[in-house]
């Protein structure tokens, strides 16, 4: 069978770089395959995708050697318009793709460019929207939708073009766990029903593997480092060897001394085929002791029965009470629209509560200005593009320091320190525009970190980060926490909550529905379902294999990993 995509000794060097970003790529993708392209940041994943969809060389210039064939045609003979008929691309930021005033107009955009007859176009638009469950929103503005709905509209847009290759670039980046599960299931249904060739680039390993994948292509330093089925690469520990996070239930099995030999279908905790030594798992679970010491720091921030409404009569935050101690890390969890970001706006002073009180070090700050609160409370938005104002990286980090009157020497010392902490020091003299989304995220965090707040609110701090950068950054956050800085993580990343949070506070429909240890929260299927979260794969594994206490199994994993980190310090 002729491959639908074929790279032959293919290399690419960006115009502004001295060395190649892609090197000696040889890859055949067969029609109807579902491929996951994995790899750390900077490995060449996105560049490979841009070569497939035509953004290279038509938007990003450079030097190409070797050959690339798409649908049997030499890519050098195709223009970007012709390529778009074969390859439909869904970006990690759906807002960047919207061009229509309504959902229907946006889905119809390419067909309008191709002068498709109106009756045929309407049928195709309605069919695509119905397939992704968005037909009822056909007349609504796309920018008014939730993150999951926007992603569905983007998917409908490429479906309506009849492209036979679908390329997904970080499709789960802005989705809560429940929406992420739904998105991956929808992609699989479209793959099966339409015989599409599907290529996925995504950091959220367990979410990608929840649905079938034919092959995983691992990129590293611009080259293809490994290709194989999920079982081949998971059993051999290939993902971990290239700095990627493998499913955490496989880590737990390794900690308990269980071999993966003789097991198959490893991509989901419930689907593993073979015989597991349940007794060995129980013994390990009961043997792990907690290395954590109880925090007894003073209460830094306290919310008392806080209620807020954007419009009269509709409270989006309802009677929320919580406290954060000095040096404590709390994961604020919940689905899109649960009220998490609004609550952070109340804490920072952006919104004034209709009822209730916000206290800092025991003092009411309801009447404090945003500027005054900013001396004690730092806030980093989910989208770094909403925060960054300077053209150069070093200027962005130093902006707040300049506004607060720091001397040039102090400004330079602090800026250099946080750039090193956030892995951006080598790029300090680069323009911001040269950074990836994940790097911009780290830059926005560095800018606030330089101001040394007592409490940092981080909205999706690990979005777009590969596992290595995620771990380096979060380990540093843990060090700051040990020194007394408190952190509130607003996150959809259950791994972050498991590994780095002291407690989890869960919101749904504007109220707090649970506040407990992370292990207890993420092992409670009733709470996770109501909050549009996803029960951790550790609890699902424990339940599927009949272990005595799923929550105890989750806590054992947390304690074991914490003990390992402590022993390496």
Protein backbone atom coordinates (compact mmCIF):
# COMPACT_ATOMS: atom_id res chain seq x y z
CA UNK A 1 0.00 0.00 0.00
CA UNK A 2 1.35 3.41 -0.95
CA UNK A 3 1.88 5.62 2.12
CA UNK A 4 -0.26 8.73 2.39
CA UNK A 5 2.73 10.60 3.88
CA UNK A 6 6.34 9.67 3.12
CA UNK A 7 9.51 11.39 4.35
CA UNK A 8 12.70 10.24 2.61
CA UNK A 9 16.05 11.37 3.99
CA UNK A 10 14.29 14.64 4.84
CA UNK A 11 16.01 17.51 6.69
CA UNK A 12 14.99 21.09 7.36
CA UNK A 13 16.89 24.13 8.64
CA UNK A 14 15.10 27.35 9.55
CA UNK A 15 16.41 30.43 7.77
CA UNK A 16 17.57 32.04 11.02
CA UNK A 17 19.38 28.97 12.40
CA UNK A 18 22.82 27.55 11.73
CA UNK A 19 21.91 23.89 12.26
CA UNK A 20 19.02 21.74 11.07
CA UNK A 21 15.89 21.33 13.21
CA UNK A 22 14.90 18.12 11.40
CA UNK A 23 17.60 15.63 10.46
CA UNK A 24 17.40 12.57 8.22
CA UNK A 25 13.71 11.88 8.69
CA UNK A 26 12.52 8.62 7.13
CA UNK A 27 8.88 7.93 7.92
CA UNK A 28 5.96 6.34 6.09
CA UNK A 29 2.40 6.82 7.35
CA UNK A 30 -0.19 4.52 5.78
CA UNK A 31 -3.67 5.72 4.87
CA UNK A 32 -6.06 5.27 7.79
CA UNK A 33 -3.36 5.05 10.46
CA UNK A 34 -3.59 6.87 13.78
CA UNK A 35 -0.18 8.18 14.81
CA UNK A 36 0.97 9.91 17.99
CA UNK A 37 4.09 12.05 17.59
CA UNK A 38 5.73 12.38 21.01
CA UNK A 39 8.89 14.02 22.24
CA UNK A 40 10.25 16.70 24.56
CA UNK A 41 10.02 20.41 23.73
CA UNK A 42 12.45 21.33 20.98
CA UNK A 43 12.56 17.79 19.61
CA UNK A 44 11.14 18.82 16.24
CA UNK A 45 7.51 17.65 16.61
CA UNK A 46 5.88 20.91 15.57
CA UNK A 47 8.38 21.44 12.77
CA UNK A 48 7.55 17.99 11.40
CA UNK A 49 3.84 18.87 11.57
CA UNK A 50 4.45 22.16 9.74
CA UNK A 51 6.17 20.26 6.95
CA UNK A 52 3.12 17.99 6.64
CA UNK A 53 0.50 20.77 6.52
CA UNK A 54 2.56 23.10 4.33
CA UNK A 55 3.32 25.89 6.81
CA UNK A 56 6.89 24.92 5.95
CA UNK A 57 8.01 26.31 3.54
CA UNK A 58 5.06 28.66 2.80
CA UNK A 59 4.94 30.46 6.19
CA UNK A 60 8.30 29.50 7.71
CA UNK A 61 11.20 29.66 5.29
CA UNK A 62 14.34 27.61 5.34
CA UNK A 63 16.45 25.00 3.59
CA UNK A 64 14.94 21.61 2.73
CA UNK A 65 16.86 18.54 1.66
CA UNK A 66 15.39 15.15 0.87
CA UNK A 67 11.84 14.41 -0.20
CA UNK A 68 8.33 14.59 1.24
CA UNK A 69 5.34 13.04 -0.51
CA UNK A 70 1.73 13.78 0.51
CA UNK A 71 -0.95 11.61 -1.10
CA UNK A 72 1.68 10.38 -3.54
CA UNK A 73 2.60 13.88 -4.74
CA UNK A 74 5.96 15.54 -4.28
CA UNK A 75 5.30 18.30 -1.72
CA UNK A 76 7.60 20.69 -3.59
CA UNK A 77 5.08 20.73 -6.46
CA UNK A 78 2.11 21.67 -4.21
CA UNK A 79 1.08 25.13 -3.06
CA UNK A 80 -0.42 25.78 0.39
CA UNK A 81 -3.99 25.85 -0.96
CA UNK A 82 -3.62 22.44 -2.59
CA UNK A 83 -2.03 21.02 0.56
CA UNK A 84 -4.89 22.27 2.72
CA UNK A 85 -7.31 20.17 0.69
CA UNK A 86 -5.44 17.05 1.81
CA UNK A 87 -4.37 18.05 5.33
CA UNK A 88 -6.71 19.62 7.89
CA UNK A 89 -5.00 21.13 10.94
CA UNK A 90 -6.47 21.74 14.41
CA UNK A 91 -4.27 24.08 16.47
CA UNK A 92 -3.81 24.05 20.26
CA UNK A 93 -5.40 27.52 20.39
CA UNK A 94 -8.78 27.35 18.58
CA UNK A 95 -9.20 31.14 18.77
CA UNK A 96 -6.31 31.49 16.32
CA UNK A 97 -8.33 29.60 13.68
CA UNK A 98 -11.69 31.33 13.89
CA UNK A 99 -12.52 33.63 10.96
CA UNK A 100 -16.34 33.61 10.86
CA UNK A 101 -18.79 35.71 12.87
CA UNK A 102 -20.81 32.60 13.74
CA UNK A 103 -20.03 28.94 14.24
CA UNK A 104 -21.70 28.04 10.95
CA UNK A 105 -19.79 30.70 8.99
CA UNK A 106 -16.51 29.51 10.44
CA UNK A 107 -17.13 25.88 9.51
CA UNK A 108 -18.13 26.95 5.99
CA UNK A 109 -15.08 29.19 5.41
CA UNK A 110 -12.99 26.95 3.17
CA UNK A 111 -15.99 25.71 1.20
CA UNK A 112 -16.87 29.34 0.47
CA UNK A 113 -13.34 29.88 -0.85
CA UNK A 114 -13.83 26.86 -3.12
CA UNK A 115 -17.17 28.28 -4.41
CA UNK A 116 -19.12 25.27 -3.16
CA UNK A 117 -22.83 25.52 -4.06
CA UNK A 118 -24.81 26.90 -1.11
CA UNK A 119 -27.14 23.92 -0.72
CA UNK A 120 -24.21 21.51 -0.69
CA UNK A 121 -22.30 23.76 1.71
CA UNK A 122 -25.20 23.95 4.20
CA UNK A 123 -25.59 20.19 4.18
CA UNK A 124 -21.88 19.70 4.82
CA UNK A 125 -21.80 22.30 7.62
CA UNK A 126 -24.82 20.86 9.42
CA UNK A 127 -23.47 17.33 9.04
CA UNK A 128 -20.06 18.28 10.49
CA UNK A 129 -21.57 20.20 13.40
CA UNK A 130 -23.96 17.36 14.17
CA UNK A 131 -21.06 14.89 14.20
CA UNK A 132 -19.20 16.89 16.87
CA UNK A 133 -22.35 17.68 18.89
CA UNK A 134 -22.40 21.42 18.08
CA UNK A 135 -25.38 21.73 15.71
CA UNK A 136 -27.41 23.70 18.29
CA UNK A 137 -24.67 26.38 18.35
CA UNK A 138 -24.61 27.00 14.58
CA UNK A 139 -25.70 30.65 14.91
CA UNK A 140 -23.61 31.51 17.98
CA UNK A 141 -20.33 33.47 17.98
CA UNK A 142 -17.37 31.04 18.26
CA UNK A 143 -15.49 33.22 20.76
CA UNK A 144 -18.37 32.92 23.26
CA UNK A 145 -17.97 29.15 23.56
CA UNK A 146 -16.14 27.11 26.20
CA UNK A 147 -12.71 25.66 25.49
CA UNK A 148 -14.11 22.23 24.69
CA UNK A 149 -16.81 23.66 22.44
CA UNK A 150 -14.25 25.76 20.53
CA UNK A 151 -12.15 22.67 19.92
CA UNK A 152 -15.22 20.84 18.61
CA UNK A 153 -16.00 23.71 16.19
CA UNK A 154 -12.40 23.62 14.92
CA UNK A 155 -12.79 19.91 14.33
CA UNK A 156 -16.06 20.45 12.45
CA UNK A 157 -14.28 23.00 10.27
CA UNK A 158 -11.69 20.53 9.03
CA UNK A 159 -14.26 17.76 8.67
CA UNK A 160 -16.31 19.92 6.33
CA UNK A 161 -13.30 20.30 4.00
CA UNK A 162 -13.16 16.54 3.33
CA UNK A 163 -9.42 16.50 4.08
CA UNK A 164 -8.35 12.87 4.43
CA UNK A 165 -5.43 13.68 6.77
CA UNK A 166 -6.21 15.30 10.13
CA UNK A 167 -3.34 16.85 12.09
CA UNK A 168 -3.96 17.75 15.75
CA UNK A 169 -1.41 20.07 17.40
CA UNK A 170 -1.89 19.92 21.21
CA UNK A 171 -5.69 19.47 20.93
CA UNK A 172 -6.13 19.04 24.70
CA UNK A 173 -4.11 22.08 25.83
CA UNK A 174 -7.11 24.17 26.96
CA UNK A 175 -9.54 21.41 27.92
CA UNK A 176 -10.57 20.17 31.34
CA UNK A 177 -10.10 16.42 31.96
CA UNK A 178 -13.68 15.46 31.09
CA UNK A 179 -13.59 17.51 27.87
CA UNK A 180 -10.21 15.98 27.04
CA UNK A 181 -11.65 12.48 27.32
CA UNK A 182 -14.57 13.49 25.12
CA UNK A 183 -12.27 15.09 22.53
CA UNK A 184 -10.07 11.99 22.22
CA UNK A 185 -13.15 9.78 21.92
CA UNK A 186 -14.56 12.05 19.21
CA UNK A 187 -11.27 11.95 17.30
CA UNK A 188 -11.34 8.15 17.47
CA UNK A 189 -14.96 7.98 16.29
CA UNK A 190 -14.12 10.19 13.29
CA UNK A 191 -11.04 8.09 12.60
CA UNK A 192 -13.09 4.90 12.58
CA UNK A 193 -16.15 6.22 10.73
CA UNK A 194 -14.38 8.19 8.01
CA UNK A 195 -11.19 6.21 7.53
CA UNK A 196 -9.17 9.39 8.13
CA UNK A 197 -5.42 9.39 8.69
CA UNK A 198 -4.95 10.98 12.12
CA UNK A 199 -1.72 12.51 13.45
CA UNK A 200 -1.68 13.77 17.05
CA UNK A 201 0.93 15.90 18.80
CA UNK A 202 0.15 16.06 22.52
CA UNK A 203 1.88 16.14 25.95
CA UNK A 204 -0.99 14.54 27.89
CA UNK A 205 0.17 10.95 27.58
CA UNK A 206 -2.59 9.11 29.43
CA UNK A 207 -5.33 11.03 27.63
CA UNK A 208 -3.89 10.17 24.21
CA UNK A 209 -3.52 6.51 25.12
CA UNK A 210 -7.08 6.26 26.43
CA UNK A 211 -8.14 5.58 22.84
CA UNK A 212 -6.40 3.19 20.38
CA UNK A 213 -3.16 4.33 18.73
CA UNK A 214 -1.56 2.39 15.89
CA UNK A 215 2.00 3.67 16.31
CA UNK A 216 3.98 6.12 18.42
CA UNK A 217 6.73 8.15 16.74
CA UNK A 218 9.21 9.48 19.31
CA UNK A 219 11.19 12.56 18.28
CA UNK A 220 14.42 13.66 19.97
CA UNK A 221 16.86 16.40 18.94
CA UNK A 222 15.34 16.66 15.48
CA UNK A 223 15.50 12.96 14.67
CA UNK A 224 13.15 10.00 14.92
CA UNK A 225 14.42 8.18 18.00
CA UNK A 226 11.89 5.34 18.11
CA UNK A 227 8.81 4.02 16.33
CA UNK A 228 6.56 1.28 17.64
CA UNK A 229 3.19 0.21 18.97
CA UNK A 230 2.13 1.48 22.42
CA UNK A 231 2.85 -1.94 23.94
CA UNK A 232 6.33 -2.05 22.40
CA UNK A 233 7.35 1.36 23.70
CA UNK A 234 5.58 1.19 27.08
CA UNK A 235 6.91 -2.25 27.98
CA UNK A 236 10.44 -1.21 27.05
CA UNK A 237 10.35 2.07 28.98
CA UNK A 238 11.13 3.97 25.78
CA UNK A 239 9.03 7.03 26.62
CA UNK A 240 10.73 7.51 29.97
CA UNK A 241 14.20 7.10 28.40
CA UNK A 242 13.54 10.20 26.29
CA UNK A 243 12.25 12.32 29.16
CA UNK A 244 8.55 11.66 28.57
CA UNK A 245 6.04 10.72 31.25
CA UNK A 246 4.73 7.19 30.91
CA UNK A 247 1.37 6.29 32.51
CA UNK A 248 1.82 6.56 36.26
CA UNK A 249 0.19 3.20 37.03
CA UNK A 250 3.14 1.61 35.19
CA UNK A 251 5.48 3.52 37.51
CA UNK A 252 3.52 2.24 40.50
CA UNK A 253 3.83 -1.33 39.22
CA UNK A 254 7.59 -0.87 38.88
CA UNK A 255 7.82 0.55 42.43
CA UNK A 256 6.01 -2.57 43.68
CA UNK A 257 8.49 -4.81 41.86
CA UNK A 258 6.11 -6.06 39.16
CA UNK A 259 7.48 -6.87 35.73
CA UNK A 260 5.67 -5.87 32.55
CA UNK A 261 6.87 -9.00 30.77
CA UNK A 262 3.99 -11.14 29.57
CA UNK A 263 1.49 -8.29 29.83
CA UNK A 264 -0.19 -6.53 26.91
CA UNK A 265 -2.63 -3.69 26.19
CA UNK A 266 -0.71 -1.50 28.64
CA UNK A 267 -2.14 1.81 27.42
CA UNK A 268 -5.07 1.86 29.92
CA UNK A 269 -5.18 0.71 33.57
CA UNK A 270 -8.42 -1.22 33.07
CA UNK A 271 -7.39 -2.91 29.83
CA UNK A 272 -4.14 -4.63 30.82
CA UNK A 273 -4.17 -8.25 29.72
CA UNK A 274 -2.24 -10.86 31.70
CA UNK A 275 -1.74 -11.90 35.31
CA UNK A 276 -0.77 -9.41 37.99
CA UNK A 277 0.50 -10.33 41.46
CA UNK A 278 -2.17 -8.57 43.49
CA UNK A 279 -0.56 -9.64 46.75
CA UNK A 280 2.70 -7.95 45.84
CA UNK A 281 0.83 -4.72 45.12
CA UNK A 282 -0.97 -4.89 48.48
CA UNK A 283 2.30 -5.53 50.36
CA UNK A 284 3.98 -2.57 48.66
CA UNK A 285 0.98 -0.32 49.28
CA UNK A 286 1.00 -1.09 53.02
CA UNK A 287 4.77 -0.78 53.35
CA UNK A 288 5.15 2.80 52.12
CA UNK A 289 5.44 5.30 54.95
CA UNK A 290 4.67 8.98 54.55
CA UNK A 291 7.82 11.13 54.53
CA UNK A 292 5.84 14.35 54.73
CA UNK A 293 5.83 16.49 57.82
CA UNK A 294 2.71 18.35 58.83
CA UNK A 295 2.85 22.04 57.96
CA UNK A 296 2.04 24.27 60.90
CA UNK A 297 2.64 27.67 59.31
CA UNK A 298 0.41 30.64 60.00
CA UNK A 299 -2.66 31.18 57.85
CA UNK A 300 -1.59 33.44 54.99
CA UNK A 301 -4.85 33.86 53.08
CA UNK A 302 -8.41 33.16 54.17
CA UNK A 303 -11.69 33.40 52.26
CA UNK A 304 -14.87 33.53 54.34
CA UNK A 305 -18.20 32.77 52.63
CA UNK A 306 -17.20 34.63 49.46
CA UNK A 307 -19.94 35.12 46.85
CA UNK A 308 -19.68 36.95 43.53
CA UNK A 309 -21.98 37.58 40.54
CA UNK A 310 -21.16 39.14 37.18
CA UNK A 311 -24.87 39.77 36.62
CA UNK A 312 -27.50 40.36 39.27
CA UNK A 313 -29.19 37.14 40.28
CA UNK A 314 -26.56 34.72 38.95
CA UNK A 315 -23.77 33.90 41.38
CA UNK A 316 -20.73 32.37 39.67
CA UNK A 317 -18.91 31.94 43.00
CA UNK A 318 -21.08 30.86 45.92
CA UNK A 319 -20.20 30.89 49.64
CA UNK A 320 -16.61 29.78 49.16
CA UNK A 321 -14.51 29.40 52.29
CA UNK A 322 -10.91 28.23 52.25
CA UNK A 323 -7.55 29.01 53.81
CA UNK A 324 -3.96 28.80 52.58
CA UNK A 325 -1.10 28.54 55.04
CA UNK A 326 2.36 30.05 54.59
CA UNK A 327 4.35 27.66 52.41
CA UNK A 328 1.31 25.55 51.54
CA UNK A 329 0.52 24.41 48.01
CA UNK A 330 -3.11 23.91 47.05
CA UNK A 331 -4.48 22.55 43.79
CA UNK A 332 -7.74 24.28 42.84
CA UNK A 333 -9.52 21.75 40.64
CA UNK A 334 -12.71 21.77 38.60
CA UNK A 335 -14.03 21.76 35.06
CA UNK A 336 -14.19 24.71 32.68
CA UNK A 337 -16.70 27.23 34.03
CA UNK A 338 -16.57 25.96 37.63
CA UNK A 339 -15.58 29.40 38.96
CA UNK A 340 -11.86 28.84 39.54
CA UNK A 341 -10.58 31.81 37.53
CA UNK A 342 -13.27 34.08 38.99
CA UNK A 343 -12.18 33.06 42.48
CA UNK A 344 -8.60 33.97 41.64
CA UNK A 345 -9.87 37.36 40.43
CA UNK A 346 -11.51 37.89 43.81
CA UNK A 347 -8.26 37.06 45.60
CA UNK A 348 -6.20 39.45 43.45
CA UNK A 349 -8.78 42.25 43.72
CA UNK A 350 -9.96 42.19 40.12
CA UNK A 351 -13.46 41.38 41.39
CA UNK A 352 -15.05 42.57 44.61
CA UNK A 353 -17.18 39.95 46.39
CA UNK A 354 -20.88 40.67 46.78
CA UNK A 355 -20.81 38.84 50.10
CA UNK A 356 -17.95 37.61 52.25
CA UNK A 357 -14.43 38.59 53.16
CA UNK A 358 -10.86 38.04 51.94
CA UNK A 359 -8.20 38.20 54.67
CA UNK A 360 -4.40 38.32 54.36
CA UNK A 361 -2.34 37.61 57.48
CA UNK A 362 -5.59 38.01 59.43
CA UNK A 363 -6.40 41.46 58.01
CA UNK A 364 -9.36 42.15 55.74
CA UNK A 365 -8.19 43.22 52.28
CA UNK A 366 -11.63 43.73 50.69
CA UNK A 367 -10.85 47.42 50.24
CA UNK A 368 -7.24 47.02 49.14
CA UNK A 369 -6.42 48.12 45.60
CA UNK A 370 -5.14 45.67 42.99
CA UNK A 371 -1.74 47.38 43.15
CA UNK A 372 -1.48 46.97 46.91
CA UNK A 373 -2.53 43.33 46.78
CA UNK A 374 0.08 42.78 44.05
CA UNK A 375 2.89 43.40 46.54
CA UNK A 376 1.86 40.21 48.37
CA UNK A 377 -0.03 38.16 45.77
CA UNK A 378 1.26 37.28 42.31
CA UNK A 379 -0.98 36.00 39.53
CA UNK A 380 0.03 34.28 36.28
CA UNK A 381 -2.69 33.92 33.65
CA UNK A 382 -3.35 30.74 31.70
CA UNK A 383 -2.55 32.37 28.36
CA UNK A 384 0.88 34.09 28.49
CA UNK A 385 -0.02 36.24 25.48
CA UNK A 386 -2.52 38.05 27.73
CA UNK A 387 0.30 39.12 30.08
CA UNK A 388 3.36 39.78 27.97
CA UNK A 389 3.77 43.42 26.86
CA UNK A 390 7.48 43.79 25.96
CA UNK A 391 9.26 42.80 22.76
CA UNK A 392 12.42 41.46 24.40
CA UNK A 393 12.62 38.72 27.00
CA UNK A 394 14.91 40.52 29.44
CA UNK A 395 12.73 43.65 29.29
CA UNK A 396 9.61 41.61 30.09
CA UNK A 397 11.15 40.11 33.22
CA UNK A 398 12.46 43.47 34.41
CA UNK A 399 9.26 45.45 33.79
CA UNK A 400 7.71 44.93 37.22
CA UNK A 401 11.02 45.47 38.97
CA UNK A 402 11.44 48.81 37.19
CA UNK A 403 7.92 49.87 38.18
CA UNK A 404 8.72 49.11 41.82
CA UNK A 405 11.88 51.18 41.80
CA UNK A 406 14.57 48.50 41.95
CA UNK A 407 18.05 49.70 41.04
CA UNK A 408 19.60 48.56 37.73
CA UNK A 409 21.94 46.22 39.62
CA UNK A 410 19.13 44.65 41.64
CA UNK A 411 17.00 44.39 38.52
CA UNK A 412 19.75 42.59 36.61
CA UNK A 413 20.47 40.17 39.47
CA UNK A 414 16.82 39.24 40.00
CA UNK A 415 16.07 38.97 36.29
CA UNK A 416 19.04 36.71 35.63
CA UNK A 417 18.14 34.53 38.63
CA UNK A 418 14.54 33.86 37.63
CA UNK A 419 15.47 33.35 33.96
CA UNK A 420 17.90 30.63 35.06
CA UNK A 421 15.25 29.13 37.33
CA UNK A 422 12.72 29.00 34.50
CA UNK A 423 15.18 27.64 31.93
CA UNK A 424 15.20 30.80 29.81
CA UNK A 425 18.58 32.33 30.59
CA UNK A 426 20.18 31.23 27.29
CA UNK A 427 17.44 33.17 25.46
CA UNK A 428 17.57 36.33 27.61
CA UNK A 429 18.46 38.55 24.64
CA UNK A 430 15.92 36.99 22.27
CA UNK A 431 12.68 38.61 21.14
CA UNK A 432 9.59 37.22 22.86
CA UNK A 433 8.12 36.34 19.46
CA UNK A 434 10.81 33.65 19.02
CA UNK A 435 9.52 31.64 21.99
CA UNK A 436 7.12 28.70 21.90
CA UNK A 437 3.84 28.80 23.85
CA UNK A 438 5.41 26.76 26.67
CA UNK A 439 8.44 29.06 26.84
CA UNK A 440 6.19 32.13 26.93
CA UNK A 441 4.38 30.48 29.84
CA UNK A 442 7.65 30.18 31.72
CA UNK A 443 8.51 33.79 30.87
CA UNK A 444 5.24 35.09 32.34
CA UNK A 445 5.90 33.08 35.51
CA UNK A 446 9.47 34.41 35.72
CA UNK A 447 8.19 38.00 35.51
CA UNK A 448 5.98 37.55 38.58
CA UNK A 449 8.49 35.36 40.44
CA UNK A 450 11.03 38.19 40.23
CA UNK A 451 8.77 40.28 42.50
CA UNK A 452 8.94 37.71 45.36
CA UNK A 453 5.24 37.57 46.33
CA UNK A 454 4.12 35.67 49.44
CA UNK A 455 1.40 33.85 47.46
CA UNK A 456 1.59 32.85 43.80
CA UNK A 457 -1.56 31.96 41.90
CA UNK A 458 -0.62 29.93 38.82
CA UNK A 459 -3.36 29.31 36.23
CA UNK A 460 -2.46 26.09 34.37
CA UNK A 461 1.30 26.41 35.08
CA UNK A 462 2.22 23.23 33.19
CA UNK A 463 0.13 23.80 30.03
CA UNK A 464 2.27 23.17 26.95
CA UNK A 465 5.26 21.96 29.00
CA UNK A 466 7.05 18.72 28.32
CA UNK A 467 7.78 16.41 31.25
CA UNK A 468 11.42 17.50 31.72
CA UNK A 469 10.64 21.22 31.89
CA UNK A 470 7.54 20.49 33.95
CA UNK A 471 9.59 18.54 36.50
CA UNK A 472 12.45 21.05 36.68
CA UNK A 473 10.08 23.96 37.16
CA UNK A 474 7.76 22.26 39.66
CA UNK A 475 10.69 20.97 41.73
CA UNK A 476 11.82 24.57 42.04
CA UNK A 477 8.29 25.61 43.05
CA UNK A 478 8.45 22.93 45.76
CA UNK A 479 11.71 24.47 47.04
CA UNK A 480 10.10 27.93 47.23
CA UNK A 481 7.19 26.38 49.11
CA UNK A 482 9.59 24.89 51.64
CA UNK A 483 11.00 28.38 52.12
CA UNK A 484 7.55 29.79 52.96
CA UNK A 485 6.04 30.93 49.65
CA UNK A 486 2.47 29.68 49.20
CA UNK A 487 1.05 28.50 45.88
CA UNK A 488 -2.44 28.10 44.50
CA UNK A 489 -2.44 26.01 41.32
CA UNK A 490 -5.52 26.37 39.13
CA UNK A 491 -5.07 23.28 37.02
CA UNK A 492 -6.54 20.49 34.91
CA UNK A 493 -3.29 18.53 35.37
CA UNK A 494 -4.04 15.72 37.78
CA UNK A 495 -0.38 14.69 37.84
CA UNK A 496 0.61 18.13 39.13
CA UNK A 497 -1.96 17.83 41.90
CA UNK A 498 -0.80 14.34 42.83
CA UNK A 499 2.89 15.13 42.93
CA UNK A 500 3.11 18.69 44.21
CA UNK A 501 0.00 19.78 46.11
CA UNK A 502 -0.50 19.46 49.86
CA UNK A 503 -4.27 19.60 49.46
CA UNK A 504 -6.90 19.74 46.72
CA UNK A 505 -9.91 22.06 46.71
CA UNK A 506 -12.56 21.09 44.16
CA UNK A 507 -15.10 23.49 42.67
CA UNK A 508 -18.26 22.81 40.67
CA UNK A 509 -20.97 25.28 39.66
CA UNK A 510 -19.32 28.05 41.68
CA UNK A 511 -19.09 26.23 45.01
CA UNK A 512 -16.52 24.08 46.82
CA UNK A 513 -17.66 20.45 46.76
CA UNK A 514 -14.55 18.86 48.29
CA UNK A 515 -11.41 19.88 50.20
CA UNK A 516 -9.17 17.01 51.23
CA UNK A 517 -5.91 15.25 50.53
CA UNK A 518 -5.24 14.89 46.82
CA UNK A 519 -5.33 11.10 47.12
CA UNK A 520 -8.81 11.11 48.64
CA UNK A 521 -10.18 13.64 46.16
CA UNK A 522 -8.84 11.96 43.02
CA UNK A 523 -9.94 8.53 44.20
CA UNK A 524 -13.54 9.66 44.70
CA UNK A 525 -15.40 8.94 41.46
CA UNK A 526 -18.47 10.87 42.66
CA UNK A 527 -16.44 14.07 43.21
CA UNK A 528 -14.41 13.76 40.02
CA UNK A 529 -17.53 13.11 37.94
CA UNK A 530 -19.43 16.07 39.38
CA UNK A 531 -16.43 18.38 38.90
CA UNK A 532 -15.66 17.24 35.32
CA UNK A 533 -12.31 15.92 36.48
CA UNK A 534 -10.90 12.52 35.79
CA UNK A 535 -10.29 9.96 38.46
CA UNK A 536 -6.55 9.31 38.57
CA UNK A 537 -5.37 6.26 36.65
CA UNK A 538 -3.84 4.95 39.89
CA UNK A 539 -7.28 4.68 41.51
CA UNK A 540 -8.76 3.22 38.33
CA UNK A 541 -5.94 0.65 38.24
CA UNK A 542 -6.48 -0.25 41.91
CA UNK A 543 -10.21 -0.61 41.40
CA UNK A 544 -9.84 -2.65 38.20
CA UNK A 545 -7.49 -5.13 39.89
CA UNK A 546 -9.44 -5.41 43.12
CA UNK A 547 -7.00 -3.78 45.54
CA UNK A 548 -8.36 -3.21 49.04
CA UNK A 549 -8.11 0.61 49.03
CA UNK A 550 -7.77 2.72 45.87
CA UNK A 551 -7.18 5.91 47.90
CA UNK A 552 -4.47 4.19 49.96
CA UNK A 553 -2.82 3.00 46.74
CA UNK A 554 -2.81 6.56 45.40
CA UNK A 555 -1.37 7.89 48.68
CA UNK A 556 1.33 5.20 48.63
CA UNK A 557 2.38 6.37 45.17
CA UNK A 558 2.51 10.02 46.33
CA UNK A 559 4.51 9.14 49.44
CA UNK A 560 6.92 6.86 47.55
CA UNK A 561 7.67 9.55 44.98
CA UNK A 562 8.05 12.22 47.68
CA UNK A 563 10.48 10.00 49.56
CA UNK A 564 12.47 9.51 46.35
CA UNK A 565 12.71 13.27 45.76
CA UNK A 566 13.76 13.88 49.36
CA UNK A 567 16.50 11.23 49.20
CA UNK A 568 18.01 12.89 46.11
CA UNK A 569 18.16 16.38 47.59
